N, C-alpha and C. Protein backbone atom coordinates (compact mmCIF):
# COMPACT_ATOMS: atom_id res chain seq x y z
N MET A 1 23.15 6.07 -0.78
CA MET A 1 22.77 4.98 0.09
C MET A 1 21.95 5.51 1.27
N LEU A 2 22.38 6.63 1.81
CA LEU A 2 21.67 7.22 2.93
C LEU A 2 20.29 7.69 2.51
N LEU A 3 20.19 8.24 1.31
CA LEU A 3 18.90 8.70 0.79
C LEU A 3 17.92 7.54 0.64
N PHE A 4 18.41 6.39 0.16
CA PHE A 4 17.54 5.22 0.03
C PHE A 4 17.08 4.73 1.39
N PHE A 5 17.94 4.75 2.39
CA PHE A 5 17.57 4.32 3.74
C PHE A 5 16.51 5.24 4.35
N ILE A 6 16.69 6.53 4.20
CA ILE A 6 15.73 7.49 4.75
C ILE A 6 14.38 7.36 4.03
N SER A 7 14.41 7.23 2.71
CA SER A 7 13.15 7.08 1.98
C SER A 7 12.47 5.76 2.31
N SER A 8 13.24 4.71 2.59
CA SER A 8 12.66 3.43 2.97
C SER A 8 11.92 3.53 4.29
N VAL A 9 12.50 4.24 5.23
CA VAL A 9 11.84 4.42 6.53
C VAL A 9 10.57 5.24 6.38
N ILE A 10 10.62 6.30 5.59
CA ILE A 10 9.44 7.14 5.37
C ILE A 10 8.35 6.35 4.66
N PHE A 11 8.71 5.58 3.63
CA PHE A 11 7.72 4.79 2.92
C PHE A 11 7.18 3.65 3.77
N SER A 12 7.99 3.14 4.67
CA SER A 12 7.51 2.10 5.57
C SER A 12 6.38 2.61 6.45
N VAL A 13 6.54 3.81 6.98
CA VAL A 13 5.48 4.42 7.79
C VAL A 13 4.26 4.71 6.93
N MET A 14 4.48 5.21 5.72
CA MET A 14 3.38 5.52 4.82
C MET A 14 2.60 4.26 4.45
N TYR A 15 3.30 3.18 4.12
CA TYR A 15 2.63 1.92 3.79
C TYR A 15 1.87 1.37 4.98
N TYR A 16 2.42 1.51 6.18
CA TYR A 16 1.74 1.02 7.38
C TYR A 16 0.42 1.75 7.59
N VAL A 17 0.45 3.06 7.50
CA VAL A 17 -0.76 3.85 7.74
C VAL A 17 -1.81 3.58 6.65
N GLN A 18 -1.39 3.59 5.40
CA GLN A 18 -2.33 3.39 4.30
C GLN A 18 -2.92 1.98 4.31
N SER A 19 -2.11 0.97 4.61
CA SER A 19 -2.63 -0.39 4.64
C SER A 19 -3.55 -0.59 5.84
N PHE A 20 -3.28 0.07 6.94
CA PHE A 20 -4.16 -0.01 8.10
C PHE A 20 -5.52 0.62 7.78
N LYS A 21 -5.50 1.74 7.05
CA LYS A 21 -6.74 2.42 6.69
C LYS A 21 -7.57 1.62 5.70
N THR A 22 -6.94 0.87 4.80
CA THR A 22 -7.67 0.15 3.77
C THR A 22 -7.95 -1.30 4.13
N GLY A 23 -7.47 -1.79 5.26
CA GLY A 23 -7.77 -3.14 5.68
C GLY A 23 -6.80 -4.20 5.20
N LEU A 24 -5.65 -3.79 4.69
CA LEU A 24 -4.61 -4.75 4.31
C LEU A 24 -3.78 -5.08 5.55
N THR A 25 -2.93 -6.09 5.44
CA THR A 25 -2.08 -6.45 6.58
C THR A 25 -0.99 -5.39 6.74
N ALA A 26 -1.10 -4.64 7.81
CA ALA A 26 -0.26 -3.45 7.99
C ALA A 26 1.21 -3.80 8.23
N LYS A 27 1.47 -4.80 9.05
CA LYS A 27 2.87 -5.12 9.37
C LYS A 27 3.61 -5.65 8.15
N LYS A 28 2.93 -6.45 7.34
CA LYS A 28 3.56 -7.00 6.14
C LYS A 28 3.98 -5.88 5.19
N TRP A 29 3.09 -4.91 4.99
CA TRP A 29 3.41 -3.82 4.08
C TRP A 29 4.45 -2.88 4.67
N ALA A 30 4.48 -2.73 5.98
CA ALA A 30 5.50 -1.88 6.61
C ALA A 30 6.88 -2.50 6.43
N VAL A 31 6.99 -3.80 6.60
CA VAL A 31 8.28 -4.48 6.42
C VAL A 31 8.70 -4.43 4.95
N ALA A 32 7.74 -4.63 4.05
CA ALA A 32 8.05 -4.55 2.62
C ALA A 32 8.51 -3.14 2.25
N GLY A 33 7.87 -2.12 2.82
CA GLY A 33 8.29 -0.74 2.57
C GLY A 33 9.67 -0.45 3.12
N LEU A 34 9.99 -1.06 4.25
CA LEU A 34 11.32 -0.87 4.83
C LEU A 34 12.40 -1.53 3.98
N LEU A 35 12.09 -2.70 3.43
CA LEU A 35 13.08 -3.42 2.62
C LEU A 35 13.23 -2.85 1.21
N PHE A 36 12.11 -2.49 0.59
CA PHE A 36 12.15 -2.11 -0.82
C PHE A 36 11.89 -0.63 -1.08
N GLY A 37 11.38 0.09 -0.10
CA GLY A 37 11.16 1.52 -0.26
C GLY A 37 10.06 1.83 -1.26
N PRO A 38 10.24 2.86 -2.07
CA PRO A 38 9.19 3.28 -3.00
C PRO A 38 9.02 2.37 -4.21
N VAL A 39 9.85 1.34 -4.34
CA VAL A 39 9.79 0.47 -5.50
C VAL A 39 8.50 -0.34 -5.55
N ILE A 40 7.91 -0.67 -4.40
CA ILE A 40 6.72 -1.52 -4.38
C ILE A 40 5.41 -0.74 -4.41
N TYR A 41 5.46 0.56 -4.66
CA TYR A 41 4.24 1.37 -4.68
C TYR A 41 3.22 0.88 -5.70
N PRO A 42 3.59 0.53 -6.93
CA PRO A 42 2.58 0.02 -7.87
C PRO A 42 1.91 -1.27 -7.38
N LEU A 43 2.68 -2.15 -6.77
CA LEU A 43 2.11 -3.38 -6.22
C LEU A 43 1.15 -3.06 -5.07
N PHE A 44 1.50 -2.10 -4.25
CA PHE A 44 0.64 -1.70 -3.14
C PHE A 44 -0.69 -1.16 -3.64
N ARG A 45 -0.65 -0.29 -4.64
CA ARG A 45 -1.88 0.28 -5.19
C ARG A 45 -2.73 -0.80 -5.86
N ALA A 46 -2.10 -1.77 -6.51
CA ALA A 46 -2.85 -2.86 -7.13
C ALA A 46 -3.55 -3.70 -6.08
N ARG A 47 -2.89 -3.97 -4.97
CA ARG A 47 -3.52 -4.74 -3.89
C ARG A 47 -4.68 -3.98 -3.27
N GLN A 48 -4.55 -2.67 -3.13
CA GLN A 48 -5.66 -1.87 -2.62
C GLN A 48 -6.85 -1.95 -3.57
N ARG A 49 -6.59 -1.87 -4.84
CA ARG A 49 -7.67 -1.93 -5.84
C ARG A 49 -8.34 -3.29 -5.84
N ILE A 50 -7.57 -4.36 -5.75
CA ILE A 50 -8.13 -5.71 -5.70
C ILE A 50 -8.99 -5.88 -4.47
N LYS A 51 -8.53 -5.39 -3.34
CA LYS A 51 -9.31 -5.47 -2.10
C LYS A 51 -10.64 -4.72 -2.24
N LEU A 52 -10.61 -3.54 -2.84
CA LEU A 52 -11.82 -2.76 -3.06
C LEU A 52 -12.76 -3.48 -4.01
N MET A 53 -12.23 -4.04 -5.09
CA MET A 53 -13.08 -4.73 -6.06
C MET A 53 -13.72 -5.98 -5.46
N ARG A 54 -13.00 -6.70 -4.63
CA ARG A 54 -13.57 -7.87 -3.98
C ARG A 54 -14.66 -7.49 -2.98
N ALA A 55 -14.49 -6.36 -2.31
CA ALA A 55 -15.48 -5.93 -1.34
C ALA A 55 -16.75 -5.43 -2.03
N ARG A 56 -16.62 -4.72 -3.13
CA ARG A 56 -17.76 -4.14 -3.82
C ARG A 56 -18.35 -5.07 -4.86
N GLY A 57 -17.57 -5.98 -5.37
CA GLY A 57 -18.02 -6.84 -6.46
C GLY A 57 -17.49 -6.33 -7.78
N PHE A 58 -17.25 -7.24 -8.69
CA PHE A 58 -16.63 -6.86 -9.95
C PHE A 58 -17.63 -6.26 -10.93
N GLY A 59 -18.93 -6.47 -10.71
CA GLY A 59 -19.92 -5.94 -11.63
C GLY A 59 -20.44 -4.57 -11.26
N ASN A 60 -20.07 -4.06 -10.13
CA ASN A 60 -20.58 -2.77 -9.66
C ASN A 60 -19.72 -1.62 -10.15
N THR A 61 -20.32 -0.44 -10.21
CA THR A 61 -19.62 0.77 -10.64
C THR A 61 -19.33 1.62 -9.42
N LEU A 62 -18.15 2.20 -9.38
CA LEU A 62 -17.75 3.08 -8.28
C LEU A 62 -17.58 4.49 -8.84
N PHE A 63 -18.41 5.41 -8.36
CA PHE A 63 -18.32 6.80 -8.79
C PHE A 63 -17.58 7.60 -7.73
N ARG A 64 -16.55 8.31 -8.16
CA ARG A 64 -15.80 9.16 -7.24
C ARG A 64 -15.88 10.59 -7.75
N ALA A 65 -16.17 11.49 -6.85
CA ALA A 65 -16.28 12.89 -7.24
C ALA A 65 -15.00 13.62 -6.94
């Protein structure tokens, strides 16, 4: 139980920083990270990808080196 609480706090800070950097609502993701911990990581990454695709357009190609 203590391990889940500590990981939830750490993930809450991580979600806050990452969502602030990518333009998502930072407080919402920080609270979600505090409540659910690492369980919502796939949802977080999907939201980041959707935000990126909407900004760039769905027909464009993104090359990453």
